[in-house]
Amino acid sequence: MPFPVNIHDLINGQSVEWERLEFKAGWNPEAILHTMCAFANDINNWGGGYIILGIEEINGKPVLPPVGINSDVIDKIQKKLIELCHLITPNYFPVAAPLIYENKNVTENVTENVTENVTESRLDQLLQMIQENKNITTDEIAKALGVTRMTVARDINILKKKGVVSRVGPAKGGYWKIKK
C-alpha cells in the first residue's frame, strides 16, 4: 500500500501543520506511547498526527540528514508498537510505514483518524484474499498488499478480535476460516 502522504513534503512541513509532526531520532517506547496518546486524544481536532522515527528534532523541526533506523530492527519496532497499542483503551492502531528518505530508513507511524478507512479497505482486501485461498500465508498477503508482515499480523489480529476470521490448525500447515 503506498503511503498516503509524500514523505519529503511531510518532513518539510508542507503537508500538515508542524503541531501534527513529531520526529524521534530513535526508538523510545515510552515517548512513542505518550505521543500516540496525545494524537489519539486529538484535543485540537487536527485528525491525529505523524511520528517519524530516524530523524532527530530540535525545537519541533527535523534535523537533516536523518540518522535513520537500522533495517534489522524495523520489524521488532513494529511488533513492540502493536504491543503498546494494546495498552491504550480503546485499542489504537496507527499505520506504521518503513520508508527510505535521503538513503536512510525512517519509520513513520501515522496516527491519523482518517487512516481507519485505509485500514478497513486493507482488511476487506485481506478477507478477499483469504476467501480466494484459505491456505494463503502472511508473507504472501504482505507482498500482495505491499505492507510488512507485522502490518498483516496486526490486521489479522483485528479480524480475529472482531470474530470474522480464525486460524484452524498450526501456523504452518493450517488454514484460515472466515466466520461470516
N, C-alpha and C. Protein backbone atom coordinates (compact mmCIF):
# COMPACT_ATOMS: atom_id res chain seq x y z
N MET A 1 0.85 -1.17 0.00
CA MET A 1 0.00 0.00 0.00
C MET A 1 0.89 1.24 0.00
N PRO A 2 0.73 2.11 -0.98
CA PRO A 2 1.53 3.32 -0.98
C PRO A 2 1.13 4.22 0.18
N PHE A 3 2.12 4.96 0.68
CA PHE A 3 1.85 5.83 1.81
C PHE A 3 1.04 7.03 1.33
N PRO A 4 0.00 7.46 2.10
CA PRO A 4 -0.91 8.48 1.60
C PRO A 4 -0.34 9.89 1.50
N VAL A 5 0.83 10.13 2.08
CA VAL A 5 1.42 11.47 2.07
C VAL A 5 2.85 11.37 1.57
N ASN A 6 3.27 12.31 0.74
CA ASN A 6 4.64 12.34 0.25
C ASN A 6 5.58 12.59 1.42
N ILE A 7 6.53 11.69 1.64
CA ILE A 7 7.42 11.77 2.80
C ILE A 7 8.26 13.05 2.78
N HIS A 8 8.74 13.45 1.62
CA HIS A 8 9.53 14.67 1.52
C HIS A 8 8.71 15.89 1.95
N ASP A 9 7.48 15.99 1.43
CA ASP A 9 6.61 17.10 1.81
C ASP A 9 6.29 17.06 3.30
N LEU A 10 6.05 15.87 3.82
CA LEU A 10 5.72 15.73 5.24
C LEU A 10 6.87 16.19 6.13
N ILE A 11 8.07 15.70 5.85
CA ILE A 11 9.23 16.05 6.67
C ILE A 11 9.52 17.55 6.62
N ASN A 12 9.22 18.17 5.50
CA ASN A 12 9.47 19.60 5.36
C ASN A 12 8.27 20.46 5.74
N GLY A 13 7.27 19.85 6.39
CA GLY A 13 6.13 20.60 6.90
C GLY A 13 5.22 21.17 5.84
N GLN A 14 5.21 20.56 4.65
CA GLN A 14 4.40 21.09 3.56
C GLN A 14 3.06 20.38 3.42
N SER A 15 2.85 19.26 4.15
CA SER A 15 1.61 18.50 4.02
C SER A 15 0.66 18.74 5.18
N VAL A 16 1.22 18.90 6.37
CA VAL A 16 0.41 19.07 7.57
C VAL A 16 1.06 20.12 8.47
N GLU A 17 0.30 20.56 9.48
CA GLU A 17 0.82 21.54 10.42
C GLU A 17 1.96 20.93 11.22
N TRP A 18 2.93 21.75 11.63
CA TRP A 18 4.06 21.26 12.42
C TRP A 18 3.59 20.63 13.72
N GLU A 19 2.46 21.10 14.26
CA GLU A 19 1.95 20.56 15.52
C GLU A 19 1.53 19.10 15.39
N ARG A 20 1.31 18.64 14.19
CA ARG A 20 0.91 17.26 13.95
C ARG A 20 2.10 16.36 13.62
N LEU A 21 3.31 16.88 13.73
CA LEU A 21 4.52 16.11 13.41
C LEU A 21 5.39 15.97 14.65
N GLU A 22 5.90 14.77 14.88
CA GLU A 22 6.92 14.55 15.91
C GLU A 22 8.03 13.74 15.28
N PHE A 23 9.24 14.18 15.47
CA PHE A 23 10.41 13.49 14.96
C PHE A 23 11.15 12.87 16.14
N LYS A 24 11.57 11.63 16.00
CA LYS A 24 12.30 10.92 17.05
C LYS A 24 13.54 10.31 16.41
N ALA A 25 14.70 10.59 16.97
CA ALA A 25 15.95 10.06 16.41
C ALA A 25 15.99 8.54 16.50
N GLY A 26 15.44 8.00 17.58
CA GLY A 26 15.47 6.56 17.77
C GLY A 26 14.20 6.06 18.42
N TRP A 27 14.21 4.79 18.75
CA TRP A 27 13.04 4.12 19.32
C TRP A 27 13.06 4.24 20.84
N ASN A 28 12.09 4.94 21.38
CA ASN A 28 11.88 5.07 22.81
C ASN A 28 10.40 4.76 23.06
N PRO A 29 10.07 3.53 23.48
CA PRO A 29 8.66 3.12 23.59
C PRO A 29 7.81 4.05 24.46
N GLU A 30 8.35 4.52 25.57
CA GLU A 30 7.56 5.38 26.45
C GLU A 30 7.22 6.71 25.77
N ALA A 31 8.20 7.31 25.11
CA ALA A 31 7.96 8.57 24.41
C ALA A 31 6.97 8.38 23.26
N ILE A 32 7.10 7.27 22.55
CA ILE A 32 6.18 6.98 21.45
C ILE A 32 4.76 6.82 21.97
N LEU A 33 4.60 6.07 23.07
CA LEU A 33 3.28 5.85 23.66
C LEU A 33 2.64 7.18 24.08
N HIS A 34 3.42 8.05 24.69
CA HIS A 34 2.90 9.36 25.10
C HIS A 34 2.42 10.16 23.89
N THR A 35 3.21 10.15 22.84
CA THR A 35 2.84 10.89 21.63
C THR A 35 1.61 10.29 20.98
N MET A 36 1.55 8.95 20.90
CA MET A 36 0.37 8.30 20.32
C MET A 36 -0.89 8.67 21.10
N CYS A 37 -0.80 8.67 22.43
CA CYS A 37 -1.96 9.03 23.26
C CYS A 37 -2.38 10.47 22.99
N ALA A 38 -1.40 11.35 22.87
CA ALA A 38 -1.72 12.75 22.59
C ALA A 38 -2.41 12.89 21.23
N PHE A 39 -1.89 12.22 20.22
CA PHE A 39 -2.51 12.28 18.90
C PHE A 39 -3.89 11.61 18.91
N ALA A 40 -4.03 10.52 19.66
CA ALA A 40 -5.32 9.82 19.73
C ALA A 40 -6.37 10.69 20.40
N ASN A 41 -5.97 11.43 21.42
CA ASN A 41 -6.91 12.32 22.10
C ASN A 41 -7.34 13.47 21.19
N ASP A 42 -6.43 13.96 20.39
CA ASP A 42 -6.72 14.96 19.35
C ASP A 42 -7.58 16.11 19.86
N ILE A 43 -7.14 16.71 20.94
CA ILE A 43 -7.88 17.79 21.59
C ILE A 43 -8.21 18.92 20.61
N ASN A 44 -7.30 19.23 19.72
CA ASN A 44 -7.50 20.34 18.78
C ASN A 44 -8.23 19.94 17.51
N ASN A 45 -8.67 18.67 17.44
CA ASN A 45 -9.40 18.16 16.28
C ASN A 45 -8.61 18.32 14.98
N TRP A 46 -7.31 17.98 15.02
CA TRP A 46 -6.45 18.06 13.85
C TRP A 46 -6.47 16.79 13.02
N GLY A 47 -7.09 15.75 13.52
CA GLY A 47 -7.15 14.49 12.77
C GLY A 47 -5.97 13.59 13.03
N GLY A 48 -5.36 13.66 14.22
CA GLY A 48 -4.23 12.79 14.55
C GLY A 48 -2.91 13.45 14.22
N GLY A 49 -1.90 12.62 13.94
CA GLY A 49 -0.59 13.17 13.66
C GLY A 49 0.37 12.13 13.14
N TYR A 50 1.62 12.52 12.98
CA TYR A 50 2.66 11.68 12.42
C TYR A 50 3.85 11.65 13.37
N ILE A 51 4.33 10.45 13.65
CA ILE A 51 5.57 10.27 14.40
C ILE A 51 6.57 9.69 13.42
N ILE A 52 7.69 10.37 13.24
CA ILE A 52 8.69 9.90 12.28
C ILE A 52 9.94 9.52 13.06
N LEU A 53 10.25 8.22 13.03
CA LEU A 53 11.45 7.70 13.70
C LEU A 53 12.63 7.77 12.73
N GLY A 54 13.80 8.03 13.28
CA GLY A 54 15.00 8.05 12.46
C GLY A 54 15.43 9.44 12.07
N ILE A 55 14.69 10.46 12.57
CA ILE A 55 15.05 11.85 12.30
C ILE A 55 15.03 12.60 13.62
N GLU A 56 16.15 13.21 13.94
CA GLU A 56 16.25 13.98 15.17
C GLU A 56 15.43 15.27 15.04
N GLU A 57 14.99 15.80 16.19
CA GLU A 57 14.19 17.02 16.20
C GLU A 57 14.81 18.05 17.14
N ILE A 58 14.86 19.28 16.68
CA ILE A 58 15.27 20.40 17.54
C ILE A 58 14.21 21.49 17.39
N ASN A 59 13.61 21.87 18.51
CA ASN A 59 12.55 22.89 18.52
C ASN A 59 11.42 22.58 17.54
N GLY A 60 11.05 21.30 17.46
CA GLY A 60 9.92 20.91 16.62
C GLY A 60 10.23 20.79 15.14
N LYS A 61 11.47 20.99 14.74
CA LYS A 61 11.84 20.91 13.33
C LYS A 61 12.82 19.76 13.13
N PRO A 62 12.77 19.10 11.96
CA PRO A 62 13.67 17.98 11.71
C PRO A 62 15.11 18.42 11.51
N VAL A 63 16.02 17.60 11.99
CA VAL A 63 17.45 17.81 11.76
C VAL A 63 17.85 16.84 10.66
N LEU A 64 18.28 17.39 9.55
CA LEU A 64 18.65 16.56 8.40
C LEU A 64 20.14 16.66 8.17
N PRO A 65 20.78 15.66 7.62
CA PRO A 65 20.18 14.43 7.12
C PRO A 65 19.70 13.54 8.27
N PRO A 66 18.80 12.60 7.97
CA PRO A 66 18.27 11.72 9.01
C PRO A 66 19.34 10.79 9.57
N VAL A 67 19.18 10.42 10.85
CA VAL A 67 20.09 9.43 11.43
C VAL A 67 19.72 8.04 10.95
N GLY A 68 18.45 7.83 10.66
CA GLY A 68 17.97 6.56 10.14
C GLY A 68 17.72 5.54 11.24
N ILE A 69 17.08 4.45 10.85
CA ILE A 69 16.79 3.31 11.72
C ILE A 69 17.41 2.09 11.07
N ASN A 70 18.12 1.29 11.85
CA ASN A 70 18.72 0.06 11.33
C ASN A 70 17.62 -0.85 10.81
N SER A 71 17.72 -1.29 9.57
CA SER A 71 16.67 -2.11 8.96
C SER A 71 16.45 -3.43 9.71
N ASP A 72 17.46 -3.89 10.46
CA ASP A 72 17.31 -5.13 11.22
C ASP A 72 16.32 -5.01 12.37
N VAL A 73 16.02 -3.80 12.83
CA VAL A 73 15.14 -3.64 13.99
C VAL A 73 13.75 -3.11 13.63
N ILE A 74 13.50 -2.85 12.37
CA ILE A 74 12.20 -2.28 11.98
C ILE A 74 11.05 -3.21 12.34
N ASP A 75 11.16 -4.51 12.04
CA ASP A 75 10.08 -5.44 12.39
C ASP A 75 9.90 -5.51 13.91
N LYS A 76 10.99 -5.47 14.66
CA LYS A 76 10.90 -5.50 16.13
C LYS A 76 10.19 -4.25 16.65
N ILE A 77 10.49 -3.12 16.05
CA ILE A 77 9.83 -1.87 16.45
C ILE A 77 8.34 -1.97 16.16
N GLN A 78 8.00 -2.48 14.99
CA GLN A 78 6.58 -2.59 14.64
C GLN A 78 5.85 -3.56 15.57
N LYS A 79 6.50 -4.65 15.96
CA LYS A 79 5.89 -5.59 16.89
C LYS A 79 5.66 -4.92 18.24
N LYS A 80 6.65 -4.20 18.73
CA LYS A 80 6.52 -3.51 20.01
C LYS A 80 5.44 -2.43 19.92
N LEU A 81 5.34 -1.78 18.77
CA LEU A 81 4.32 -0.77 18.57
C LEU A 81 2.93 -1.36 18.73
N ILE A 82 2.72 -2.55 18.19
CA ILE A 82 1.43 -3.23 18.34
C ILE A 82 1.16 -3.53 19.82
N GLU A 83 2.19 -4.00 20.52
CA GLU A 83 2.04 -4.26 21.96
C GLU A 83 1.65 -2.98 22.71
N LEU A 84 2.29 -1.88 22.38
CA LEU A 84 1.98 -0.61 23.03
C LEU A 84 0.54 -0.18 22.74
N CYS A 85 0.09 -0.44 21.53
CA CYS A 85 -1.27 -0.05 21.15
C CYS A 85 -2.32 -0.76 22.00
N HIS A 86 -2.00 -1.96 22.46
CA HIS A 86 -2.93 -2.70 23.30
C HIS A 86 -3.01 -2.10 24.71
N LEU A 87 -2.10 -1.21 25.05
CA LEU A 87 -2.15 -0.54 26.35
C LEU A 87 -3.13 0.64 26.33
N ILE A 88 -3.50 1.08 25.14
CA ILE A 88 -4.42 2.20 25.00
C ILE A 88 -5.83 1.64 24.91
N THR A 89 -6.75 2.23 25.68
CA THR A 89 -8.14 1.79 25.64
C THR A 89 -8.99 2.96 25.15
N PRO A 90 -9.79 2.76 24.10
CA PRO A 90 -9.85 1.54 23.30
C PRO A 90 -8.57 1.37 22.50
N ASN A 91 -8.32 0.12 22.05
CA ASN A 91 -7.10 -0.15 21.31
C ASN A 91 -6.98 0.81 20.13
N TYR A 92 -5.77 1.26 19.90
CA TYR A 92 -5.49 2.27 18.88
C TYR A 92 -4.38 1.74 18.00
N PHE A 93 -4.61 1.61 16.72
CA PHE A 93 -3.63 1.00 15.83
C PHE A 93 -3.21 1.97 14.73
N PRO A 94 -2.09 2.63 14.92
CA PRO A 94 -1.60 3.51 13.86
C PRO A 94 -1.06 2.71 12.69
N VAL A 95 -0.93 3.38 11.58
CA VAL A 95 -0.30 2.76 10.41
C VAL A 95 1.19 3.01 10.52
N ALA A 96 1.98 1.96 10.49
CA ALA A 96 3.44 2.09 10.58
C ALA A 96 4.02 1.77 9.21
N ALA A 97 4.80 2.69 8.69
CA ALA A 97 5.32 2.53 7.34
C ALA A 97 6.83 2.75 7.31
N PRO A 98 7.61 1.68 7.06
CA PRO A 98 9.05 1.87 6.86
C PRO A 98 9.28 2.54 5.51
N LEU A 99 10.02 3.63 5.52
CA LEU A 99 10.27 4.39 4.30
C LEU A 99 11.75 4.71 4.19
N ILE A 100 12.18 5.05 2.99
CA ILE A 100 13.55 5.50 2.76
C ILE A 100 13.50 7.00 2.49
N TYR A 101 14.32 7.74 3.22
CA TYR A 101 14.42 9.19 3.00
C TYR A 101 15.89 9.55 3.04
N GLU A 102 16.37 10.18 2.00
CA GLU A 102 17.79 10.53 1.87
C GLU A 102 18.67 9.31 2.14
N ASN A 103 18.31 8.19 1.52
CA ASN A 103 19.05 6.92 1.61
C ASN A 103 19.13 6.35 3.03
N LYS A 104 18.22 6.73 3.91
CA LYS A 104 18.17 6.21 5.28
C LYS A 104 16.78 5.65 5.53
N ASN A 105 16.71 4.56 6.33
CA ASN A 105 15.42 4.03 6.75
C ASN A 105 14.83 4.96 7.79
N VAL A 106 13.61 5.36 7.57
CA VAL A 106 12.85 6.08 8.58
C VAL A 106 11.53 5.34 8.72
N THR A 107 10.99 5.32 9.90
CA THR A 107 9.72 4.66 10.15
C THR A 107 8.72 5.71 10.54
N GLU A 108 7.63 5.73 9.82
CA GLU A 108 6.61 6.73 10.05
C GLU A 108 5.41 6.05 10.65
N ASN A 109 5.00 6.50 11.82
CA ASN A 109 3.83 5.98 12.49
C ASN A 109 2.74 7.02 12.38
N VAL A 110 1.75 6.71 11.61
CA VAL A 110 0.69 7.67 11.35
C VAL A 110 -0.47 7.38 12.28
N THR A 111 -0.83 8.36 13.06
CA THR A 111 -1.95 8.18 13.97
C THR A 111 -3.10 9.05 13.53
N GLU A 112 -3.39 8.99 12.24
CA GLU A 112 -4.46 9.80 11.70
C GLU A 112 -5.79 9.08 11.87
N ASN A 113 -6.80 9.81 12.25
CA ASN A 113 -8.12 9.23 12.38
C ASN A 113 -8.63 8.75 11.02
N VAL A 114 -8.28 9.44 9.96
CA VAL A 114 -8.77 9.07 8.64
C VAL A 114 -8.16 7.78 8.13
N THR A 115 -7.08 7.31 8.71
CA THR A 115 -6.46 6.08 8.22
C THR A 115 -7.30 4.86 8.57
N GLU A 116 -8.32 5.03 9.42
CA GLU A 116 -9.21 3.92 9.70
C GLU A 116 -9.84 3.42 8.41
N ASN A 117 -10.17 4.35 7.49
CA ASN A 117 -10.74 3.96 6.21
C ASN A 117 -9.74 3.17 5.38
N VAL A 118 -8.47 3.58 5.43
CA VAL A 118 -7.42 2.85 4.70
C VAL A 118 -7.30 1.44 5.27
N THR A 119 -7.31 1.33 6.61
CA THR A 119 -7.20 0.03 7.25
C THR A 119 -8.40 -0.83 6.89
N GLU A 120 -9.61 -0.28 6.93
CA GLU A 120 -10.81 -1.05 6.59
C GLU A 120 -10.72 -1.56 5.16
N SER A 121 -10.24 -0.73 4.24
CA SER A 121 -10.08 -1.15 2.86
C SER A 121 -9.09 -2.31 2.77
N ARG A 122 -7.98 -2.20 3.52
CA ARG A 122 -6.97 -3.27 3.51
C ARG A 122 -7.55 -4.53 4.14
N LEU A 123 -8.35 -4.38 5.20
CA LEU A 123 -8.97 -5.55 5.83
C LEU A 123 -9.91 -6.25 4.84
N ASP A 124 -10.64 -5.46 4.06
CA ASP A 124 -11.52 -6.04 3.04
C ASP A 124 -10.70 -6.82 2.01
N GLN A 125 -9.57 -6.23 1.60
CA GLN A 125 -8.70 -6.91 0.63
C GLN A 125 -8.15 -8.20 1.23
N LEU A 126 -7.75 -8.14 2.49
CA LEU A 126 -7.20 -9.31 3.17
C LEU A 126 -8.25 -10.42 3.24
N LEU A 127 -9.48 -10.07 3.61
CA LEU A 127 -10.57 -11.06 3.67
C LEU A 127 -10.82 -11.68 2.30
N GLN A 128 -10.80 -10.85 1.25
CA GLN A 128 -10.99 -11.36 -0.10
C GLN A 128 -9.90 -12.37 -0.46
N MET A 129 -8.66 -12.07 -0.08
CA MET A 129 -7.55 -12.98 -0.37
C MET A 129 -7.73 -14.31 0.37
N ILE A 130 -8.19 -14.25 1.62
CA ILE A 130 -8.41 -15.47 2.39
C ILE A 130 -9.57 -16.27 1.78
N GLN A 131 -10.62 -15.58 1.31
CA GLN A 131 -11.74 -16.27 0.65
C GLN A 131 -11.27 -17.01 -0.60
N GLU A 132 -10.35 -16.40 -1.31
CA GLU A 132 -9.84 -16.99 -2.54
C GLU A 132 -8.84 -18.11 -2.29
N ASN A 133 -8.13 -18.05 -1.16
CA ASN A 133 -7.11 -19.06 -0.85
C ASN A 133 -6.98 -19.20 0.66
N LYS A 134 -7.67 -20.19 1.23
CA LYS A 134 -7.67 -20.35 2.69
C LYS A 134 -6.30 -20.75 3.24
N ASN A 135 -5.37 -21.16 2.37
CA ASN A 135 -4.03 -21.55 2.79
C ASN A 135 -2.99 -20.45 2.60
N ILE A 136 -3.44 -19.25 2.25
CA ILE A 136 -2.51 -18.15 1.98
C ILE A 136 -1.68 -17.84 3.22
N THR A 137 -0.42 -17.50 3.01
CA THR A 137 0.48 -17.18 4.13
C THR A 137 0.52 -15.68 4.37
N THR A 138 0.97 -15.30 5.55
CA THR A 138 1.10 -13.87 5.86
C THR A 138 2.13 -13.21 4.95
N ASP A 139 3.17 -13.95 4.57
CA ASP A 139 4.17 -13.40 3.64
C ASP A 139 3.53 -13.10 2.28
N GLU A 140 2.68 -14.00 1.81
CA GLU A 140 2.01 -13.79 0.53
C GLU A 140 1.06 -12.60 0.60
N ILE A 141 0.35 -12.49 1.71
CA ILE A 141 -0.57 -11.36 1.90
C ILE A 141 0.21 -10.05 1.93
N ALA A 142 1.29 -10.02 2.71
CA ALA A 142 2.11 -8.81 2.83
C ALA A 142 2.63 -8.37 1.46
N LYS A 143 3.12 -9.32 0.69
CA LYS A 143 3.66 -8.98 -0.63
C LYS A 143 2.56 -8.44 -1.55
N ALA A 144 1.40 -9.08 -1.53
CA ALA A 144 0.30 -8.66 -2.40
C ALA A 144 -0.24 -7.28 -2.02
N LEU A 145 -0.28 -6.99 -0.72
CA LEU A 145 -0.82 -5.71 -0.25
C LEU A 145 0.23 -4.61 -0.18
N GLY A 146 1.51 -4.99 -0.31
CA GLY A 146 2.59 -4.00 -0.25
C GLY A 146 2.81 -3.46 1.15
N VAL A 147 2.62 -4.33 2.16
CA VAL A 147 2.83 -3.95 3.56
C VAL A 147 3.78 -4.95 4.21
N THR A 148 4.15 -4.70 5.45
CA THR A 148 5.04 -5.62 6.15
C THR A 148 4.25 -6.78 6.76
N ARG A 149 4.97 -7.83 7.14
CA ARG A 149 4.34 -8.96 7.83
C ARG A 149 3.70 -8.51 9.13
N MET A 150 4.33 -7.54 9.80
CA MET A 150 3.78 -7.04 11.05
C MET A 150 2.44 -6.33 10.82
N THR A 151 2.31 -5.63 9.73
CA THR A 151 1.04 -4.99 9.41
C THR A 151 -0.03 -6.04 9.17
N VAL A 152 0.32 -7.10 8.44
CA VAL A 152 -0.62 -8.20 8.21
C VAL A 152 -1.01 -8.86 9.53
N ALA A 153 -0.03 -9.09 10.40
CA ALA A 153 -0.32 -9.69 11.70
C ALA A 153 -1.28 -8.82 12.49
N ARG A 154 -1.05 -7.52 12.46
CA ARG A 154 -1.95 -6.59 13.16
C ARG A 154 -3.36 -6.65 12.57
N ASP A 155 -3.44 -6.64 11.23
CA ASP A 155 -4.75 -6.69 10.58
C ASP A 155 -5.48 -7.99 10.89
N ILE A 156 -4.76 -9.10 10.86
CA ILE A 156 -5.39 -10.39 11.18
C ILE A 156 -5.87 -10.40 12.63
N ASN A 157 -5.08 -9.79 13.51
CA ASN A 157 -5.47 -9.68 14.91
C ASN A 157 -6.78 -8.90 15.05
N ILE A 158 -6.92 -7.82 14.29
CA ILE A 158 -8.15 -7.03 14.30
C ILE A 158 -9.32 -7.90 13.85
N LEU A 159 -9.13 -8.66 12.77
CA LEU A 159 -10.19 -9.52 12.25
C LEU A 159 -10.55 -10.63 13.25
N LYS A 160 -9.54 -11.17 13.92
CA LYS A 160 -9.80 -12.20 14.93
C LYS A 160 -10.62 -11.62 16.08
N LYS A 161 -10.24 -10.42 16.55
CA LYS A 161 -10.98 -9.78 17.65
C LYS A 161 -12.42 -9.47 17.27
N LYS A 162 -12.64 -9.15 16.00
CA LYS A 162 -14.00 -8.88 15.51
C LYS A 162 -14.78 -10.17 15.30
N GLY A 163 -14.09 -11.32 15.42
CA GLY A 163 -14.75 -12.61 15.22
C GLY A 163 -15.03 -12.94 13.76
N VAL A 164 -14.28 -12.34 12.86
CA VAL A 164 -14.50 -12.52 11.43
C VAL A 164 -13.69 -13.67 10.86
N VAL A 165 -12.50 -13.89 11.41
CA VAL A 165 -11.61 -14.92 10.87
C VAL A 165 -10.93 -15.66 12.02
N SER A 166 -10.59 -16.91 11.75
CA SER A 166 -9.84 -17.69 12.74
C SER A 166 -8.84 -18.58 11.99
N ARG A 167 -7.89 -19.06 12.74
CA ARG A 167 -6.88 -19.96 12.17
C ARG A 167 -7.20 -21.36 12.66
N VAL A 168 -7.29 -22.31 11.74
CA VAL A 168 -7.55 -23.70 12.07
C VAL A 168 -6.26 -24.47 11.87
N GLY A 169 -5.81 -25.13 12.92
CA GLY A 169 -4.57 -25.89 12.84
C GLY A 169 -3.36 -25.02 13.14
N PRO A 170 -2.17 -25.57 12.92
CA PRO A 170 -0.94 -24.85 13.26
C PRO A 170 -0.66 -23.70 12.29
N ALA A 171 0.26 -22.82 12.71
CA ALA A 171 0.65 -21.69 11.87
C ALA A 171 1.17 -22.17 10.51
N LYS A 172 1.93 -23.24 10.54
CA LYS A 172 2.40 -23.84 9.28
C LYS A 172 1.61 -25.12 9.06
N GLY A 173 0.87 -25.15 7.98
CA GLY A 173 0.08 -26.33 7.65
C GLY A 173 -1.40 -26.16 7.97
N GLY A 174 -1.77 -25.11 8.68
CA GLY A 174 -3.16 -24.84 8.98
C GLY A 174 -3.79 -24.03 7.85
N TYR A 175 -5.00 -23.55 8.11
CA TYR A 175 -5.69 -22.73 7.11
C TYR A 175 -6.58 -21.71 7.80
N TRP A 176 -7.00 -20.72 7.04
CA TRP A 176 -7.86 -19.64 7.53
C TRP A 176 -9.31 -20.02 7.36
N LYS A 177 -10.13 -19.63 8.33
CA LYS A 177 -11.57 -19.87 8.26
C LYS A 177 -12.29 -18.54 8.46
N ILE A 178 -13.15 -18.18 7.52
CA ILE A 178 -13.94 -16.96 7.66
C ILE A 178 -15.24 -17.35 8.35
N LYS A 179 -15.58 -16.61 9.40
CA LYS A 179 -16.71 -16.96 10.24
C LYS A 179 -18.01 -16.22 9.90
N LYS A 180 -18.05 -15.53 8.78
CA LYS A 180 -19.23 -14.73 8.42
C LYS A 180 -20.48 -15.57 8.40
